[in-house]
Amino acid sequence: MRIDAHQHYWRIGRGDYGWITPEITELYRDYQEEDLLPHLKKHKIDQTITVQAAPTIAETEYLLKLSEESSTIAGVVGWVDLEEEDYRQQLDRLRQHPKFIGIRVMIQDMPDATIIETEPYLEAFAYLEKLDIPVDLLVRSDQLTSLIKVLDQVKLRGVIDHISKPNIAKGEQEPWINQMTTIASHPNIYCKISGMVTEAEHKNWETEQFRPYVQHIIDVFGANRVMYGSDWPVCLLSASYDEVYQLVVDTLPNELEKDGIFGGNACEFYKIGE
């Protein structure tokens, strides 16, 4: 099965996408399955992992409802407020849905990433570890120090979204290279080759800019812990779905076994089909 391991659906009128403002004209509209299907068919993508785009339980429930009517949504990565006392009850309820496959922790949006090093978060991460729940980690490259400290204490089943968003527009490689090497040393951590085009100069990038980043991810994580994700429709700020797909194809080493990257690894990580 070929899987796009990271994409979003939303309806602006729902009201919980505060980051999508009318000024962001490419994104300020509804994006639904019928908009994505032509691209999936063109590239022979069978299913997708649909990821939350709003920090609300209501949006997660909305995506789960969409998944009930869709054969292309393999699973939904939702959201739970780990700072709330009842997060375990929230999680238990969501886990009853057959297409709920994990949660995303939005470190990117935290004013101070060191909060994830505190006892309440470490306790929550330990609970997620105990239940073996897949966790997407939305983190920026300048927040990796805190994440490394967490991973030294908790053995999460985690995946780094968007290669941790290094500043590709400025060619930033250090300390990202060393930090991602350290993160990859944790065998339960995977990485999504996704979200790269929006870290380059929007709609004015070249394929060669991305090659060293993709190569490093492959070098340290290996082909068995890397997933392709389009980050559609957010990617439209800088590139079409077709351009994003081709960028990943063009920057992966030719000799590499790619079946896992384009599906198998996502199935294993998210426990799809078990």
C-alpha atoms as a PDB file:
ATOM      1  CA  MET A   1       0.000   0.000   0.000  1.00  0.00           C
ATOM      2  CA  ARG A   2       1.296   3.461  -0.938  1.00  0.00           C
ATOM      3  CA  ILE A   3       0.611   6.107   1.697  1.00  0.00           C
ATOM      4  CA  ASP A   4       0.995   9.864   1.958  1.00  0.00           C
ATOM      5  CA  ALA A   5       1.857  10.020   5.656  1.00  0.00           C
ATOM      6  CA  HIS A   6       0.957  13.664   6.267  1.00  0.00           C
ATOM      7  CA  GLN A   7      -1.893  15.778   4.917  1.00  0.00           C
ATOM      8  CA  HIS A   8      -4.784  17.870   6.222  1.00  0.00           C
ATOM      9  CA  TYR A   9      -8.464  18.525   5.549  1.00  0.00           C
ATOM     10  CA  TRP A  10     -10.348  21.522   6.905  1.00  0.00           C
ATOM     11  CA  ARG A  11     -13.481  23.636   6.634  1.00  0.00           C
ATOM     12  CA  ILE A  12     -12.716  27.261   7.421  1.00  0.00           C
ATOM     13  CA  GLY A  13     -16.241  27.891   8.688  1.00  0.00           C
ATOM     14  CA  ARG A  14     -15.668  25.536  11.623  1.00  0.00           C
ATOM     15  CA  GLY A  15     -13.848  28.403  13.305  1.00  0.00           C
ATOM     16  CA  ASP A  16     -10.949  26.688  15.069  1.00  0.00           C
ATOM     17  CA  TYR A  17      -8.189  27.338  12.526  1.00  0.00           C
ATOM     18  CA  GLY A  18      -6.992  30.604  13.990  1.00  0.00           C
ATOM     19  CA  TRP A  19      -3.675  30.444  12.151  1.00  0.00           C
ATOM     20  CA  ILE A  20      -5.389  30.431   8.724  1.00  0.00           C
ATOM     21  CA  THR A  21      -6.317  34.074   8.139  1.00  0.00           C
ATOM     22  CA  PRO A  22      -7.912  35.676   5.051  1.00  0.00           C
ATOM     23  CA  GLU A  23      -4.516  37.170   4.205  1.00  0.00           C
ATOM     24  CA  ILE A  24      -3.203  33.656   3.539  1.00  0.00           C
ATOM     25  CA  THR A  25      -5.177  33.410   0.328  1.00  0.00           C
ATOM     26  CA  GLU A  26      -3.837  29.993  -0.745  1.00  0.00           C
ATOM     27  CA  LEU A  27      -5.088  28.345   2.428  1.00  0.00           C
ATOM     28  CA  TYR A  28      -8.152  30.377   3.377  1.00  0.00           C
ATOM     29  CA  ARG A  29     -10.688  28.054   1.787  1.00  0.00           C
ATOM     30  CA  ASP A  30     -12.082  24.583   2.401  1.00  0.00           C
ATOM     31  CA  TYR A  31      -9.899  21.625   1.465  1.00  0.00           C
ATOM     32  CA  GLN A  32     -11.607  18.263   1.234  1.00  0.00           C
ATOM     33  CA  GLU A  33     -11.004  14.785  -0.127  1.00  0.00           C
ATOM     34  CA  GLU A  34     -12.366  15.600  -3.567  1.00  0.00           C
ATOM     35  CA  ASP A  35      -9.637  18.237  -3.933  1.00  0.00           C
ATOM     36  CA  LEU A  36      -6.869  15.764  -3.138  1.00  0.00           C
ATOM     37  CA  LEU A  37      -8.129  12.663  -4.957  1.00  0.00           C
ATOM     38  CA  PRO A  38      -6.833  13.616  -8.433  1.00  0.00           C
ATOM     39  CA  HIS A  39      -3.309  13.993  -7.053  1.00  0.00           C
ATOM     40  CA  LEU A  40      -3.462  10.716  -5.158  1.00  0.00           C
ATOM     41  CA  LYS A  41      -4.635   8.908  -8.274  1.00  0.00           C
ATOM     42  CA  LYS A  42      -1.951  10.505 -10.444  1.00  0.00           C
ATOM     43  CA  HIS A  43       0.829   9.308  -8.153  1.00  0.00           C
ATOM     44  CA  LYS A  44      -0.823   5.991  -7.273  1.00  0.00           C
ATOM     45  CA  ILE A  45      -1.180   6.869  -3.604  1.00  0.00           C
ATOM     46  CA  ASP A  46      -3.737   4.508  -2.049  1.00  0.00           C
ATOM     47  CA  GLN A  47      -4.336   6.183   1.307  1.00  0.00           C
ATOM     48  CA  THR A  48      -3.270   9.053   3.530  1.00  0.00           C
ATOM     49  CA  ILE A  49      -2.623   9.859   7.159  1.00  0.00           C
ATOM     50  CA  THR A  50      -4.839  12.857   7.953  1.00  0.00           C
ATOM     51  CA  VAL A  51      -3.294  15.055  10.646  1.00  0.00           C
ATOM     52  CA  GLN A  52      -4.970  17.587  12.931  1.00  0.00           C
ATOM     53  CA  ALA A  53      -4.526  21.261  12.010  1.00  0.00           C
ATOM     54  CA  ALA A  54      -6.291  22.814  15.019  1.00  0.00           C
ATOM     55  CA  PRO A  55      -5.590  22.268  18.733  1.00  0.00           C
ATOM     56  CA  THR A  56      -9.130  21.171  19.572  1.00  0.00           C
ATOM     57  CA  ILE A  57     -10.857  17.890  20.362  1.00  0.00           C
ATOM     58  CA  ALA A  58     -13.708  19.075  18.126  1.00  0.00           C
ATOM     59  CA  GLU A  59     -11.466  19.161  15.070  1.00  0.00           C
ATOM     60  CA  THR A  60     -10.141  15.684  15.807  1.00  0.00           C
ATOM     61  CA  GLU A  61     -13.728  14.435  16.025  1.00  0.00           C
ATOM     62  CA  TYR A  62     -14.483  16.205  12.744  1.00  0.00           C
ATOM     63  CA  LEU A  63     -11.603  14.397  11.018  1.00  0.00           C
ATOM     64  CA  LEU A  64     -12.664  11.065  12.471  1.00  0.00           C
ATOM     65  CA  LYS A  65     -16.148  11.660  11.081  1.00  0.00           C
ATOM     66  CA  LEU A  66     -14.637  12.367   7.659  1.00  0.00           C
ATOM     67  CA  SER A  67     -12.657   9.133   7.902  1.00  0.00           C
ATOM     68  CA  GLU A  68     -15.857   7.117   8.335  1.00  0.00           C
ATOM     69  CA  GLU A  69     -16.976   8.205   4.880  1.00  0.00           C
ATOM     70  CA  SER A  70     -13.583   7.867   3.194  1.00  0.00           C
ATOM     71  CA  SER A  71     -11.699   4.865   1.860  1.00  0.00           C
ATOM     72  CA  THR A  72      -8.542   6.936   1.343  1.00  0.00           C
ATOM     73  CA  ILE A  73      -8.067   8.035   4.968  1.00  0.00           C
ATOM     74  CA  ALA A  74      -6.020   5.246   6.546  1.00  0.00           C
ATOM     75  CA  GLY A  75      -6.033   6.951   9.911  1.00  0.00           C
ATOM     76  CA  VAL A  76      -6.329  10.216  11.819  1.00  0.00           C
ATOM     77  CA  VAL A  77      -3.624  11.767  13.975  1.00  0.00           C
ATOM     78  CA  GLY A  78      -5.578  13.873  16.429  1.00  0.00           C
ATOM     79  CA  TRP A  79      -4.985  16.252  19.311  1.00  0.00           C
ATOM     80  CA  VAL A  80      -5.318  15.963  23.060  1.00  0.00           C
ATOM     81  CA  ASP A  81      -4.475  18.702  25.564  1.00  0.00           C
ATOM     82  CA  LEU A  82      -1.738  17.078  27.645  1.00  0.00           C
ATOM     83  CA  GLU A  83      -1.913  19.990  30.097  1.00  0.00           C
ATOM     84  CA  GLU A  84      -5.489  19.131  31.077  1.00  0.00           C
ATOM     85  CA  GLU A  85      -6.101  16.843  34.045  1.00  0.00           C
ATOM     86  CA  ASP A  86      -8.544  14.731  32.056  1.00  0.00           C
ATOM     87  CA  TYR A  87      -6.310  14.133  29.032  1.00  0.00           C
ATOM     88  CA  ARG A  88      -6.303  10.385  29.739  1.00  0.00           C
ATOM     89  CA  GLN A  89     -10.092  10.284  29.565  1.00  0.00           C
ATOM     90  CA  GLN A  90     -10.031  12.341  26.346  1.00  0.00           C
ATOM     91  CA  LEU A  91      -7.501   9.941  24.887  1.00  0.00           C
ATOM     92  CA  ASP A  92      -9.388   6.843  25.979  1.00  0.00           C
ATOM     93  CA  ARG A  93     -12.541   8.115  24.296  1.00  0.00           C
ATOM     94  CA  LEU A  94     -10.810   8.931  21.014  1.00  0.00           C
ATOM     95  CA  ARG A  95      -9.045   5.582  20.985  1.00  0.00           C
ATOM     96  CA  GLN A  96     -12.396   3.844  20.666  1.00  0.00           C
ATOM     97  CA  HIS A  97     -12.579   5.022  17.056  1.00  0.00           C
ATOM     98  CA  PRO A  98     -11.030   2.480  14.646  1.00  0.00           C
ATOM     99  CA  LYS A  99      -9.286   5.150  12.578  1.00  0.00           C
ATOM    100  CA  PHE A 100      -7.770   7.084  15.466  1.00  0.00           C
ATOM    101  CA  ILE A 101      -4.084   6.186  15.220  1.00  0.00           C
ATOM    102  CA  GLY A 102      -2.218   8.717  17.344  1.00  0.00           C
ATOM    103  CA  ILE A 103      -1.838  12.292  18.536  1.00  0.00           C
ATOM    104  CA  ARG A 104       0.266  15.259  17.553  1.00  0.00           C
ATOM    105  CA  VAL A 105       2.096  17.416  20.086  1.00  0.00           C
ATOM    106  CA  MET A 106       2.441  20.943  18.695  1.00  0.00           C
ATOM    107  CA  ILE A 107       5.742  21.993  20.275  1.00  0.00           C
ATOM    108  CA  GLN A 108       6.146  24.496  17.429  1.00  0.00           C
ATOM    109  CA  ASP A 109       3.373  26.667  18.881  1.00  0.00           C
ATOM    110  CA  MET A 110       4.656  26.689  22.459  1.00  0.00           C
ATOM    111  CA  PRO A 111       6.062  30.080  23.554  1.00  0.00           C
ATOM    112  CA  ASP A 112       8.744  28.215  25.507  1.00  0.00           C
ATOM    113  CA  ALA A 113       9.644  24.694  24.377  1.00  0.00           C
ATOM    114  CA  THR A 114      11.299  23.890  27.697  1.00  0.00           C
ATOM    115  CA  ILE A 115       7.818  23.242  29.099  1.00  0.00           C
ATOM    116  CA  ILE A 116       8.010  19.754  27.605  1.00  0.00           C
ATOM    117  CA  GLU A 117      10.900  19.059  29.980  1.00  0.00           C
ATOM    118  CA  THR A 118       8.686  19.634  33.038  1.00  0.00           C
ATOM    119  CA  GLU A 119       7.134  16.881  35.136  1.00  0.00           C
ATOM    120  CA  PRO A 120       3.535  17.161  33.824  1.00  0.00           C
ATOM    121  CA  TYR A 121       4.684  16.651  30.228  1.00  0.00           C
ATOM    122  CA  LEU A 122       7.190  13.933  31.115  1.00  0.00           C
ATOM    123  CA  GLU A 123       4.426  12.121  32.970  1.00  0.00           C
ATOM    124  CA  ALA A 124       2.100  12.437  29.973  1.00  0.00           C
ATOM    125  CA  PHE A 125       4.812  11.245  27.573  1.00  0.00           C
ATOM    126  CA  ALA A 126       5.490   8.269  29.854  1.00  0.00           C
ATOM    127  CA  TYR A 127       1.772   7.425  29.724  1.00  0.00           C
ATOM    128  CA  LEU A 128       1.826   7.586  25.922  1.00  0.00           C
ATOM    129  CA  GLU A 129       4.900   5.357  25.955  1.00  0.00           C
ATOM    130  CA  LYS A 130       3.131   2.851  28.214  1.00  0.00           C
ATOM    131  CA  LEU A 131       0.171   2.664  25.821  1.00  0.00           C
ATOM    132  CA  ASP A 132       2.509   2.585  22.785  1.00  0.00           C
ATOM    133  CA  ILE A 133       0.531   5.381  21.139  1.00  0.00           C
ATOM    134  CA  PRO A 134       2.180   6.922  18.064  1.00  0.00           C
ATOM    135  CA  VAL A 135       3.056  10.581  18.619  1.00  0.00           C
ATOM    136  CA  ASP A 136       3.711  13.135  15.880  1.00  0.00           C
ATOM    137  CA  LEU A 137       6.171  15.766  17.074  1.00  0.00           C
ATOM    138  CA  LEU A 138       5.650  19.129  15.385  1.00  0.00           C
ATOM    139  CA  VAL A 139       8.889  20.833  16.346  1.00  0.00           C
ATOM    140  CA  ARG A 140      11.140  23.553  14.931  1.00  0.00           C
ATOM    141  CA  SER A 141      14.873  23.084  14.609  1.00  0.00           C
ATOM    142  CA  ASP A 142      15.511  25.721  17.293  1.00  0.00           C
ATOM    143  CA  GLN A 143      13.483  23.624  19.776  1.00  0.00           C
ATOM    144  CA  LEU A 144      15.367  20.360  19.334  1.00  0.00           C
ATOM    145  CA  THR A 145      17.475  20.775  22.478  1.00  0.00           C
ATOM    146  CA  SER A 146      14.376  20.387  24.645  1.00  0.00           C
ATOM    147  CA  LEU A 147      13.093  17.441  22.616  1.00  0.00           C
ATOM    148  CA  ILE A 148      16.423  15.647  22.958  1.00  0.00           C
ATOM    149  CA  LYS A 149      16.229  16.011  26.746  1.00  0.00           C
ATOM    150  CA  VAL A 150      12.744  14.462  26.693  1.00  0.00           C
ATOM    151  CA  LEU A 151      13.784  11.553  24.486  1.00  0.00           C
ATOM    152  CA  ASP A 152      16.640  10.789  26.854  1.00  0.00           C
ATOM    153  CA  GLN A 153      14.033  10.130  29.553  1.00  0.00           C
ATOM    154  CA  VAL A 154      11.036   8.670  27.696  1.00  0.00           C
ATOM    155  CA  LYS A 155      10.979   6.026  24.963  1.00  0.00           C
ATOM    156  CA  LEU A 156       8.182   7.464  22.866  1.00  0.00           C
ATOM    157  CA  ARG A 157       6.980   5.896  19.649  1.00  0.00           C
ATOM    158  CA  GLY A 158       7.465   9.233  17.897  1.00  0.00           C
ATOM    159  CA  VAL A 159       7.857  10.741  14.455  1.00  0.00           C
ATOM    160  CA  ILE A 160       9.456  14.100  13.699  1.00  0.00           C
ATOM    161  CA  ASP A 161       7.197  16.092  11.381  1.00  0.00           C
ATOM    162  CA  HIS A 162       8.720  18.070   8.501  1.00  0.00           C
ATOM    163  CA  ILE A 163      12.334  17.059   9.294  1.00  0.00           C
ATOM    164  CA  SER A 164      11.991  19.519  12.246  1.00  0.00           C
ATOM    165  CA  LYS A 165      11.747  22.592  10.018  1.00  0.00           C
ATOM    166  CA  PRO A 166      15.347  23.720   9.513  1.00  0.00           C
ATOM    167  CA  ASN A 167      15.709  27.098   7.793  1.00  0.00           C
ATOM    168  CA  ILE A 168      16.259  25.772   4.277  1.00  0.00           C
ATOM    169  CA  ALA A 169      15.898  29.243   2.764  1.00  0.00           C
ATOM    170  CA  LYS A 170      19.106  30.255   4.570  1.00  0.00           C
ATOM    171  CA  GLY A 171      20.813  26.897   4.126  1.00  0.00           C
ATOM    172  CA  GLU A 172      20.858  26.175   7.867  1.00  0.00           C
ATOM    173  CA  GLN A 173      22.526  22.849   8.591  1.00  0.00           C
ATOM    174  CA  GLU A 174      24.132  23.163  12.024  1.00  0.00           C
ATOM    175  CA  PRO A 175      23.267  22.423  14.754  1.00  0.00           C
ATOM    176  CA  TRP A 176      20.399  20.665  12.958  1.00  0.00           C
ATOM    177  CA  ILE A 177      22.673  17.937  11.558  1.00  0.00           C
ATOM    178  CA  ASN A 178      24.095  16.967  14.937  1.00  0.00           C
ATOM    179  CA  GLN A 179      20.774  17.248  16.725  1.00  0.00           C
ATOM    180  CA  MET A 180      18.919  15.089  14.212  1.00  0.00           C
ATOM    181  CA  THR A 181      21.735  12.544  14.422  1.00  0.00           C
ATOM    182  CA  THR A 182      21.188  12.399  18.185  1.00  0.00           C
ATOM    183  CA  ILE A 183      17.415  12.068  17.787  1.00  0.00           C
ATOM    184  CA  ALA A 184      17.832   9.294  15.215  1.00  0.00           C
ATOM    185  CA  SER A 185      19.877   7.305  17.740  1.00  0.00           C
ATOM    186  CA  HIS A 186      16.573   6.574  19.509  1.00  0.00           C
ATOM    187  CA  PRO A 187      15.234   3.511  17.655  1.00  0.00           C
ATOM    188  CA  ASN A 188      11.546   4.331  18.297  1.00  0.00           C
ATOM    189  CA  ILE A 189      11.780   7.712  16.538  1.00  0.00           C
ATOM    190  CA  TYR A 190      10.915   8.074  12.852  1.00  0.00           C
ATOM    191  CA  CYS A 191      11.044  11.128  10.571  1.00  0.00           C
ATOM    192  CA  LYS A 192       8.717  12.506   7.907  1.00  0.00           C
ATOM    193  CA  ILE A 193      10.227  13.925   4.742  1.00  0.00           C
ATOM    194  CA  SER A 194       7.488  16.509   4.543  1.00  0.00           C
ATOM    195  CA  GLY A 195       6.876  20.214   4.943  1.00  0.00           C
ATOM    196  CA  MET A 196      10.211  21.159   3.406  1.00  0.00           C
ATOM    197  CA  VAL A 197       9.053  23.497   0.662  1.00  0.00           C
ATOM    198  CA  THR A 198       7.510  25.952   3.107  1.00  0.00           C
ATOM    199  CA  GLU A 199      10.891  26.265   4.869  1.00  0.00           C
ATOM    200  CA  ALA A 200      12.485  27.393   1.596  1.00  0.00           C
ATOM    201  CA  GLU A 201      11.746  30.649  -0.211  1.00  0.00           C
ATOM    202  CA  HIS A 202       8.128  30.256  -1.225  1.00  0.00           C
ATOM    203  CA  LYS A 203       7.654  29.364  -4.885  1.00  0.00           C
ATOM    204  CA  ASN A 204      11.279  30.275  -5.585  1.00  0.00           C
ATOM    205  CA  TRP A 205      13.278  27.204  -4.644  1.00  0.00           C
ATOM    206  CA  GLU A 206      15.463  24.669  -6.435  1.00  0.00           C
ATOM    207  CA  THR A 207      15.595  20.926  -5.909  1.00  0.00           C
ATOM    208  CA  GLU A 208      19.297  20.946  -5.043  1.00  0.00           C
ATOM    209  CA  GLN A 209      18.619  23.029  -1.927  1.00  0.00           C
ATOM    210  CA  PHE A 210      16.868  20.053  -0.339  1.00  0.00           C
ATOM    211  CA  ARG A 211      19.239  17.245  -1.281  1.00  0.00           C
ATOM    212  CA  PRO A 212      21.633  17.560   1.710  1.00  0.00           C
ATOM    213  CA  TYR A 213      18.723  17.610   4.146  1.00  0.00           C
ATOM    214  CA  VAL A 214      17.056  14.527   2.681  1.00  0.00           C
ATOM    215  CA  GLN A 215      20.397  12.729   2.438  1.00  0.00           C
ATOM    216  CA  HIS A 216      21.161  13.379   6.090  1.00  0.00           C
ATOM    217  CA  ILE A 217      17.754  12.110   7.196  1.00  0.00           C
ATOM    218  CA  ILE A 218      18.281   8.920   5.192  1.00  0.00           C
ATOM    219  CA  ASP A 219      21.824   8.535   6.538  1.00  0.00           C
ATOM    220  CA  VAL A 220      20.849   8.754  10.216  1.00  0.00           C
ATOM    221  CA  PHE A 221      17.334   7.277  10.299  1.00  0.00           C
ATOM    222  CA  GLY A 222      17.765   4.733   7.527  1.00  0.00           C
ATOM    223  CA  ALA A 223      15.196   3.890   4.881  1.00  0.00           C
ATOM    224  CA  ASN A 224      13.091   1.940   7.414  1.00  0.00           C
ATOM    225  CA  ARG A 225      12.252   4.927   9.655  1.00  0.00           C
ATOM    226  CA  VAL A 226      11.433   7.599   7.069  1.00  0.00           C
ATOM    227  CA  MET A 227       8.025   8.450   5.582  1.00  0.00           C
ATOM    228  CA  TYR A 228       6.888  10.546   2.639  1.00  0.00           C
ATOM    229  CA  GLY A 229       4.337  13.230   3.478  1.00  0.00           C
ATOM    230  CA  SER A 230       2.983  15.955   1.214  1.00  0.00           C
ATOM    231  CA  ASP A 231       1.815  18.367   3.936  1.00  0.00           C
ATOM    232  CA  TRP A 232      -0.982  19.234   1.500  1.00  0.00           C
ATOM    233  CA  PRO A 233      -2.599  21.757   1.404  1.00  0.00           C
ATOM    234  CA  VAL A 234      -0.094  23.742   3.516  1.00  0.00           C
ATOM    235  CA  CYS A 235       2.511  22.963   0.859  1.00  0.00           C
ATOM    236  CA  LEU A 236       0.537  25.094  -1.614  1.00  0.00           C
ATOM    237  CA  LEU A 237       2.126  28.163  -0.050  1.00  0.00           C
ATOM    238  CA  SER A 238       5.256  27.169  -1.938  1.00  0.00           C
ATOM    239  CA  ALA A 239       4.559  24.246  -4.279  1.00  0.00           C
ATOM    240  CA  SER A 240       1.855  22.089  -5.828  1.00  0.00           C
ATOM    241  CA  TYR A 241       1.217  18.521  -4.699  1.00  0.00           C
ATOM    242  CA  ASP A 242       2.893  17.267  -7.866  1.00  0.00           C
ATOM    243  CA  GLU A 243       5.992  19.375  -7.214  1.00  0.00           C
ATOM    244  CA  VAL A 244       6.266  18.167  -3.621  1.00  0.00           C
ATOM    245  CA  TYR A 245       5.962  14.533  -4.654  1.00  0.00           C
ATOM    246  CA  GLN A 246       8.547  14.935  -7.402  1.00  0.00           C
ATOM    247  CA  LEU A 247      10.900  16.772  -5.050  1.00  0.00           C
ATOM    248  CA  VAL A 248      10.983  13.805  -2.687  1.00  0.00           C
ATOM    249  CA  VAL A 249      11.439  11.350  -5.561  1.00  0.00           C
ATOM    250  CA  ASP A 250      14.291  13.424  -7.004  1.00  0.00           C
ATOM    251  CA  THR A 251      16.179  13.917  -3.738  1.00  0.00           C
ATOM    252  CA  LEU A 252      16.050  10.328  -2.476  1.00  0.00           C
ATOM    253  CA  PRO A 253      19.149   8.325  -3.434  1.00  0.00           C
ATOM    254  CA  ASN A 254      18.542   6.310  -6.605  1.00  0.00           C
ATOM    255  CA  GLU A 255      19.740   3.034  -5.093  1.00  0.00           C
ATOM    256  CA  LEU A 256      17.472   3.333  -2.065  1.00  0.00           C
ATOM    257  CA  GLU A 257      14.624   0.873  -1.460  1.00  0.00           C
ATOM    258  CA  LYS A 258      11.626   3.245  -1.454  1.00  0.00           C
ATOM    259  CA  ASP A 259       8.625   1.017  -0.763  1.00  0.00           C
ATOM    260  CA  GLY A 260       8.867   1.651   2.957  1.00  0.00           C
ATOM    261  CA  ILE A 261       9.199   5.411   2.559  1.00  0.00           C
ATOM    262  CA  PHE A 262       6.088   5.536   0.392  1.00  0.00           C
ATOM    263  CA  GLY A 263       3.896   3.397   2.613  1.00  0.00           C
ATOM    264  CA  GLY A 264       5.339   0.477   4.505  1.00  0.00           C
ATOM    265  CA  ASN A 265       6.995   2.515   7.241  1.00  0.00           C
ATOM    266  CA  ALA A 266       3.816   4.484   7.919  1.00  0.00           C
ATOM    267  CA  CYS A 267       1.861   1.231   8.234  1.00  0.00           C
ATOM    268  CA  GLU A 268       4.394  -0.081  10.737  1.00  0.00           C
ATOM    269  CA  PHE A 269       4.688   3.116  12.770  1.00  0.00           C
ATOM    270  CA  TYR A 270       0.949   3.813  13.005  1.00  0.00           C
ATOM    271  CA  LYS A 271       0.076   0.096  13.307  1.00  0.00           C
ATOM    272  CA  ILE A 272      -2.227   0.254  10.298  1.00  0.00           C
ATOM    273  CA  GLY A 273      -3.774  -3.048   9.362  1.00  0.00           C
ATOM    274  CA  GLU A 274      -3.033  -4.709  12.687  1.00  0.00           C
END
